[in-house]
Each structure stands twice: as C-alpha cells, then as structure tokens.
Amino acid sequence: MSDCIFCRIARGEIPTTVVYEDDDVIAFEDVNPQMPVHTLIIPKQHYAHIGDDVPSEVLGKVFSAVKTVAALKGVEQTGYRIIANTGKDACQTVHHLHVHLLGGARLPLGMGPAD
C-alpha cells in the first residue's frame, strides 16, 4: 500500500531509528514509547494484521526477529513482552502487521499499549 506509513518506513521514505533490518523485516523505535524499550517489528511486505492470510514463513521471520531485537535492545535476559494488536477492538491504529517489543523496566500486569 503506497500510503501506509509502515510501508513508507520500510521503503526508507520516512526516517526512523532502525534497530534491525534484513531483506524481509525491519525493526524500529516507536515514536510514542510506552516503556524504556518499545520497538516495532514489521514485515516489509504489507499485511493489514496477523489474520490477513500472512504466509507462515513471513510470520516466522517477524517472530524470529524478536529474539534478535531483544538482544540488541538488552532485554533478552531480563524479560520483555510482545504484543500484536489486531483490528479496531484491539486498538490497532496502523493497519500494517506489527509486533510491539516492550521492556527495559518491570512491566505492568495489564495487557500493554493500545497501538
């Protein structure tokens, strides 16, 4: 989708703080962090959400990047939370599949950020 903000980030059209990138996935800092570590991990190819007929290999690449990003952000050993909001009722505001990686402090027992 040409007007999707995350597609534009993946194409390098919008500057961001990249944490990790390979041919299929990019991880970057959230512009409105909810925790000391708040990184978004997205596939470069557009899918609206996790239920959007995403091929298993794409999901595998996104979730494989989680461990790498956690290590790069220094939370691999202390702990982190991953969240994938899906749809309006889950407060997904950017309709491009993405995973929030949160950490860097003790996380509240709640479910974490709305998108």
N, C-alpha and C. Protein backbone atom coordinates (compact mmCIF):
# COMPACT_ATOMS: atom_id res chain seq x y z
N MET A 1 0.86 -1.19 0.00
CA MET A 1 0.00 0.00 0.00
C MET A 1 0.90 1.24 0.00
N SER A 2 0.73 2.06 -0.98
CA SER A 2 1.64 3.20 -1.14
C SER A 2 1.49 4.25 -0.05
N ASP A 3 0.31 4.37 0.58
CA ASP A 3 0.12 5.41 1.59
C ASP A 3 0.27 4.90 3.03
N CYS A 4 0.57 3.63 3.22
CA CYS A 4 0.74 3.05 4.55
C CYS A 4 2.03 3.58 5.16
N ILE A 5 1.94 4.15 6.35
CA ILE A 5 3.12 4.75 6.99
C ILE A 5 4.21 3.71 7.24
N PHE A 6 3.84 2.49 7.62
CA PHE A 6 4.87 1.47 7.87
C PHE A 6 5.49 0.98 6.57
N CYS A 7 4.71 0.93 5.49
CA CYS A 7 5.28 0.59 4.17
C CYS A 7 6.29 1.67 3.77
N ARG A 8 5.94 2.92 4.02
CA ARG A 8 6.83 4.02 3.68
C ARG A 8 8.11 3.97 4.52
N ILE A 9 8.00 3.60 5.79
CA ILE A 9 9.19 3.42 6.62
C ILE A 9 10.04 2.28 6.07
N ALA A 10 9.41 1.17 5.72
CA ALA A 10 10.13 0.01 5.19
C ALA A 10 10.86 0.34 3.89
N ARG A 11 10.28 1.23 3.09
CA ARG A 11 10.92 1.65 1.84
C ARG A 11 11.96 2.74 2.03
N GLY A 12 12.11 3.23 3.25
CA GLY A 12 13.08 4.27 3.53
C GLY A 12 12.61 5.67 3.20
N GLU A 13 11.32 5.85 2.97
CA GLU A 13 10.77 7.16 2.61
C GLU A 13 10.56 8.05 3.84
N ILE A 14 10.41 7.44 5.00
CA ILE A 14 10.22 8.18 6.25
C ILE A 14 11.37 7.79 7.17
N PRO A 15 12.13 8.78 7.65
CA PRO A 15 13.26 8.44 8.53
C PRO A 15 12.77 7.88 9.86
N THR A 16 13.55 6.96 10.39
CA THR A 16 13.25 6.35 11.67
C THR A 16 14.54 5.84 12.28
N THR A 17 14.48 5.44 13.52
CA THR A 17 15.64 4.85 14.19
C THR A 17 15.55 3.34 14.02
N VAL A 18 16.31 2.82 13.07
CA VAL A 18 16.28 1.39 12.77
C VAL A 18 17.11 0.65 13.80
N VAL A 19 16.53 -0.41 14.35
CA VAL A 19 17.21 -1.26 15.33
C VAL A 19 17.77 -2.50 14.63
N TYR A 20 17.01 -3.02 13.67
CA TYR A 20 17.39 -4.24 12.96
C TYR A 20 16.72 -4.21 11.59
N GLU A 21 17.41 -4.75 10.60
CA GLU A 21 16.82 -4.85 9.27
C GLU A 21 17.47 -5.98 8.50
N ASP A 22 16.64 -6.72 7.77
CA ASP A 22 17.13 -7.70 6.82
C ASP A 22 16.27 -7.57 5.56
N ASP A 23 16.32 -8.53 4.68
CA ASP A 23 15.58 -8.42 3.41
C ASP A 23 14.07 -8.40 3.59
N ASP A 24 13.56 -9.00 4.68
CA ASP A 24 12.13 -9.19 4.84
C ASP A 24 11.49 -8.43 6.00
N VAL A 25 12.30 -8.01 6.97
CA VAL A 25 11.80 -7.45 8.22
C VAL A 25 12.58 -6.18 8.55
N ILE A 26 11.89 -5.24 9.18
CA ILE A 26 12.57 -4.07 9.74
C ILE A 26 12.01 -3.83 11.14
N ALA A 27 12.90 -3.48 12.05
CA ALA A 27 12.51 -3.14 13.42
C ALA A 27 12.99 -1.73 13.70
N PHE A 28 12.12 -0.93 14.31
CA PHE A 28 12.44 0.47 14.55
C PHE A 28 11.79 0.93 15.84
N GLU A 29 12.31 2.04 16.38
CA GLU A 29 11.80 2.56 17.64
C GLU A 29 10.42 3.16 17.46
N ASP A 30 9.53 2.90 18.43
CA ASP A 30 8.20 3.50 18.43
C ASP A 30 8.34 5.00 18.70
N VAL A 31 7.60 5.83 17.98
CA VAL A 31 7.70 7.28 18.18
C VAL A 31 6.99 7.74 19.46
N ASN A 32 6.17 6.88 20.03
CA ASN A 32 5.47 7.20 21.28
C ASN A 32 5.68 6.04 22.25
N PRO A 33 6.92 5.87 22.76
CA PRO A 33 7.22 4.68 23.57
C PRO A 33 6.42 4.63 24.87
N GLN A 34 5.98 3.42 25.20
CA GLN A 34 5.24 3.17 26.42
C GLN A 34 6.12 2.58 27.52
N MET A 35 7.34 2.19 27.16
CA MET A 35 8.31 1.62 28.09
C MET A 35 9.70 2.11 27.66
N PRO A 36 10.73 1.94 28.50
CA PRO A 36 12.07 2.34 28.09
C PRO A 36 12.50 1.68 26.77
N VAL A 37 12.12 0.43 26.57
CA VAL A 37 12.32 -0.24 25.28
C VAL A 37 10.96 -0.44 24.66
N HIS A 38 10.75 0.14 23.50
CA HIS A 38 9.50 -0.03 22.75
C HIS A 38 9.85 0.01 21.27
N THR A 39 10.04 -1.16 20.72
CA THR A 39 10.46 -1.32 19.34
C THR A 39 9.37 -2.04 18.57
N LEU A 40 9.13 -1.59 17.35
CA LEU A 40 8.16 -2.23 16.47
C LEU A 40 8.90 -3.10 15.46
N ILE A 41 8.36 -4.28 15.21
CA ILE A 41 8.94 -5.21 14.26
C ILE A 41 7.87 -5.49 13.21
N ILE A 42 8.20 -5.22 11.94
CA ILE A 42 7.21 -5.37 10.87
C ILE A 42 7.80 -6.16 9.70
N PRO A 43 6.93 -6.84 8.96
CA PRO A 43 7.40 -7.37 7.68
C PRO A 43 7.44 -6.20 6.69
N LYS A 44 8.38 -6.24 5.76
CA LYS A 44 8.45 -5.17 4.77
C LYS A 44 7.28 -5.24 3.79
N GLN A 45 6.79 -6.43 3.57
CA GLN A 45 5.62 -6.60 2.71
C GLN A 45 4.37 -6.25 3.51
N HIS A 46 3.40 -5.62 2.88
CA HIS A 46 2.20 -5.17 3.59
C HIS A 46 1.21 -6.31 3.84
N TYR A 47 0.83 -6.43 5.09
CA TYR A 47 -0.31 -7.25 5.53
C TYR A 47 -1.02 -6.39 6.56
N ALA A 48 -2.33 -6.34 6.53
CA ALA A 48 -3.07 -5.44 7.42
C ALA A 48 -2.93 -5.83 8.88
N HIS A 49 -2.88 -7.11 9.17
CA HIS A 49 -2.80 -7.60 10.55
C HIS A 49 -2.44 -9.08 10.52
N ILE A 50 -2.29 -9.66 11.68
CA ILE A 50 -1.82 -11.05 11.78
C ILE A 50 -2.82 -12.05 11.17
N GLY A 51 -4.08 -11.66 11.04
CA GLY A 51 -5.09 -12.55 10.45
C GLY A 51 -5.31 -12.33 8.96
N ASP A 52 -4.43 -11.58 8.32
CA ASP A 52 -4.60 -11.18 6.92
C ASP A 52 -3.93 -12.18 5.96
N ASP A 53 -4.19 -13.47 6.15
CA ASP A 53 -3.61 -14.52 5.30
C ASP A 53 -2.11 -14.36 5.14
N VAL A 54 -1.44 -14.06 6.25
CA VAL A 54 0.01 -13.89 6.25
C VAL A 54 0.65 -15.28 6.11
N PRO A 55 1.51 -15.46 5.13
CA PRO A 55 2.17 -16.76 4.99
C PRO A 55 2.98 -17.10 6.25
N SER A 56 3.02 -18.36 6.59
CA SER A 56 3.71 -18.79 7.81
C SER A 56 5.18 -18.41 7.79
N GLU A 57 5.80 -18.40 6.61
CA GLU A 57 7.22 -18.02 6.56
C GLU A 57 7.42 -16.55 6.90
N VAL A 58 6.45 -15.69 6.57
CA VAL A 58 6.54 -14.28 6.93
C VAL A 58 6.38 -14.12 8.43
N LEU A 59 5.38 -14.80 9.00
CA LEU A 59 5.22 -14.76 10.45
C LEU A 59 6.47 -15.28 11.15
N GLY A 60 7.05 -16.34 10.62
CA GLY A 60 8.27 -16.89 11.19
C GLY A 60 9.41 -15.89 11.18
N LYS A 61 9.54 -15.14 10.10
CA LYS A 61 10.61 -14.14 10.01
C LYS A 61 10.38 -13.00 10.99
N VAL A 62 9.13 -12.56 11.13
CA VAL A 62 8.83 -11.48 12.08
C VAL A 62 9.13 -11.95 13.50
N PHE A 63 8.63 -13.12 13.86
CA PHE A 63 8.83 -13.59 15.23
C PHE A 63 10.26 -14.07 15.49
N SER A 64 10.97 -14.49 14.48
CA SER A 64 12.40 -14.81 14.64
C SER A 64 13.20 -13.55 14.94
N ALA A 65 12.78 -12.44 14.38
CA ALA A 65 13.47 -11.17 14.61
C ALA A 65 13.30 -10.70 16.05
N VAL A 66 12.26 -11.16 16.74
CA VAL A 66 12.02 -10.74 18.12
C VAL A 66 13.24 -11.04 19.00
N LYS A 67 13.76 -12.24 18.92
CA LYS A 67 14.91 -12.62 19.76
C LYS A 67 16.11 -11.74 19.45
N THR A 68 16.37 -11.49 18.18
CA THR A 68 17.49 -10.65 17.78
C THR A 68 17.33 -9.23 18.30
N VAL A 69 16.13 -8.67 18.15
CA VAL A 69 15.87 -7.31 18.61
C VAL A 69 15.98 -7.24 20.13
N ALA A 70 15.44 -8.23 20.82
CA ALA A 70 15.54 -8.24 22.30
C ALA A 70 17.00 -8.23 22.73
N ALA A 71 17.84 -8.98 22.05
CA ALA A 71 19.27 -8.99 22.39
C ALA A 71 19.90 -7.64 22.08
N LEU A 72 19.59 -7.07 20.92
CA LEU A 72 20.14 -5.76 20.56
C LEU A 72 19.72 -4.67 21.53
N LYS A 73 18.52 -4.77 22.06
CA LYS A 73 18.00 -3.77 22.99
C LYS A 73 18.37 -4.06 24.45
N GLY A 74 19.03 -5.19 24.70
CA GLY A 74 19.49 -5.50 26.05
C GLY A 74 18.45 -6.04 26.99
N VAL A 75 17.36 -6.59 26.47
CA VAL A 75 16.30 -7.12 27.34
C VAL A 75 16.12 -8.63 27.21
N GLU A 76 17.00 -9.27 26.45
CA GLU A 76 16.86 -10.70 26.22
C GLU A 76 16.89 -11.49 27.53
N GLN A 77 17.74 -11.09 28.46
CA GLN A 77 17.89 -11.82 29.72
C GLN A 77 16.93 -11.34 30.81
N THR A 78 16.58 -10.06 30.79
CA THR A 78 15.74 -9.51 31.86
C THR A 78 14.26 -9.70 31.62
N GLY A 79 13.87 -9.85 30.37
CA GLY A 79 12.47 -10.09 30.05
C GLY A 79 11.86 -8.99 29.20
N TYR A 80 10.86 -9.36 28.45
CA TYR A 80 10.17 -8.44 27.56
C TYR A 80 8.80 -9.01 27.23
N ARG A 81 7.97 -8.16 26.68
CA ARG A 81 6.63 -8.56 26.26
C ARG A 81 6.49 -8.25 24.78
N ILE A 82 5.81 -9.13 24.05
CA ILE A 82 5.49 -8.84 22.66
C ILE A 82 3.97 -8.82 22.51
N ILE A 83 3.51 -7.86 21.72
CA ILE A 83 2.08 -7.66 21.53
C ILE A 83 1.82 -7.43 20.05
N ALA A 84 0.78 -8.06 19.52
CA ALA A 84 0.34 -7.80 18.15
C ALA A 84 -1.15 -7.46 18.21
N ASN A 85 -1.46 -6.17 18.17
CA ASN A 85 -2.86 -5.73 18.16
C ASN A 85 -3.45 -6.03 16.78
N THR A 86 -4.68 -6.54 16.78
CA THR A 86 -5.32 -6.93 15.52
C THR A 86 -6.74 -6.41 15.47
N GLY A 87 -6.95 -5.38 14.67
CA GLY A 87 -8.29 -4.85 14.46
C GLY A 87 -8.67 -3.72 15.40
N LYS A 88 -9.81 -3.14 15.09
CA LYS A 88 -10.32 -1.96 15.80
C LYS A 88 -10.51 -2.20 17.29
N ASP A 89 -11.12 -3.32 17.67
CA ASP A 89 -11.38 -3.58 19.09
C ASP A 89 -10.10 -3.80 19.89
N ALA A 90 -9.01 -4.12 19.21
CA ALA A 90 -7.72 -4.26 19.89
C ALA A 90 -6.91 -2.97 19.82
N CYS A 91 -7.54 -1.91 19.32
CA CYS A 91 -6.90 -0.58 19.21
C CYS A 91 -5.77 -0.53 18.21
N GLN A 92 -5.84 -1.34 17.17
CA GLN A 92 -4.83 -1.26 16.11
C GLN A 92 -5.11 0.01 15.31
N THR A 93 -4.15 0.92 15.28
CA THR A 93 -4.35 2.18 14.55
C THR A 93 -3.55 2.23 13.27
N VAL A 94 -2.44 1.50 13.18
CA VAL A 94 -1.70 1.40 11.93
C VAL A 94 -1.98 0.01 11.38
N HIS A 95 -2.64 -0.04 10.25
CA HIS A 95 -3.10 -1.32 9.70
C HIS A 95 -2.06 -1.93 8.78
N HIS A 96 -0.94 -2.24 9.41
CA HIS A 96 0.17 -2.98 8.81
C HIS A 96 0.64 -3.89 9.93
N LEU A 97 0.70 -5.18 9.68
CA LEU A 97 1.11 -6.13 10.71
C LEU A 97 2.36 -5.63 11.41
N HIS A 98 2.31 -5.58 12.73
CA HIS A 98 3.48 -5.20 13.52
C HIS A 98 3.39 -5.80 14.91
N VAL A 99 4.58 -6.02 15.46
CA VAL A 99 4.71 -6.56 16.81
C VAL A 99 5.41 -5.51 17.65
N HIS A 100 4.84 -5.22 18.81
CA HIS A 100 5.49 -4.34 19.78
C HIS A 100 6.39 -5.20 20.66
N LEU A 101 7.64 -4.81 20.83
CA LEU A 101 8.53 -5.43 21.80
C LEU A 101 8.75 -4.40 22.90
N LEU A 102 8.31 -4.75 24.11
CA LEU A 102 8.35 -3.83 25.25
C LEU A 102 9.22 -4.39 26.35
N GLY A 103 10.01 -3.54 26.98
CA GLY A 103 10.84 -3.99 28.09
C GLY A 103 11.65 -2.84 28.65
N GLY A 104 12.69 -3.19 29.37
CA GLY A 104 13.57 -2.19 29.95
C GLY A 104 13.18 -1.75 31.35
N ALA A 105 12.07 -2.26 31.85
CA ALA A 105 11.58 -1.99 33.21
C ALA A 105 10.54 -3.06 33.51
N ARG A 106 10.17 -3.15 34.79
CA ARG A 106 9.13 -4.12 35.16
C ARG A 106 7.84 -3.72 34.47
N LEU A 107 7.27 -4.67 33.75
CA LEU A 107 6.04 -4.41 33.01
C LEU A 107 4.82 -4.55 33.90
N PRO A 108 3.82 -3.71 33.69
CA PRO A 108 2.58 -3.84 34.47
C PRO A 108 1.87 -5.14 34.09
N LEU A 109 0.99 -5.58 34.96
CA LEU A 109 0.26 -6.81 34.70
C LEU A 109 -0.77 -6.67 33.60
N GLY A 110 -1.14 -5.44 33.24
CA GLY A 110 -2.12 -5.22 32.17
C GLY A 110 -1.61 -5.75 30.84
N MET A 111 -2.41 -5.57 29.83
CA MET A 111 -2.10 -6.11 28.52
C MET A 111 -1.15 -5.28 27.70
N GLY A 112 -0.77 -4.08 28.16
CA GLY A 112 0.20 -3.30 27.40
C GLY A 112 -0.47 -2.22 26.58
N PRO A 113 0.27 -1.65 25.65
CA PRO A 113 -0.22 -0.45 24.96
C PRO A 113 -1.31 -0.76 23.95
N ALA A 114 -2.19 0.22 23.82
CA ALA A 114 -3.03 0.22 22.63
C ALA A 114 -2.05 0.61 21.54
N ASP A 115 -2.33 0.40 20.34
CA ASP A 115 -1.42 0.63 19.23
C ASP A 115 -0.70 1.92 19.42
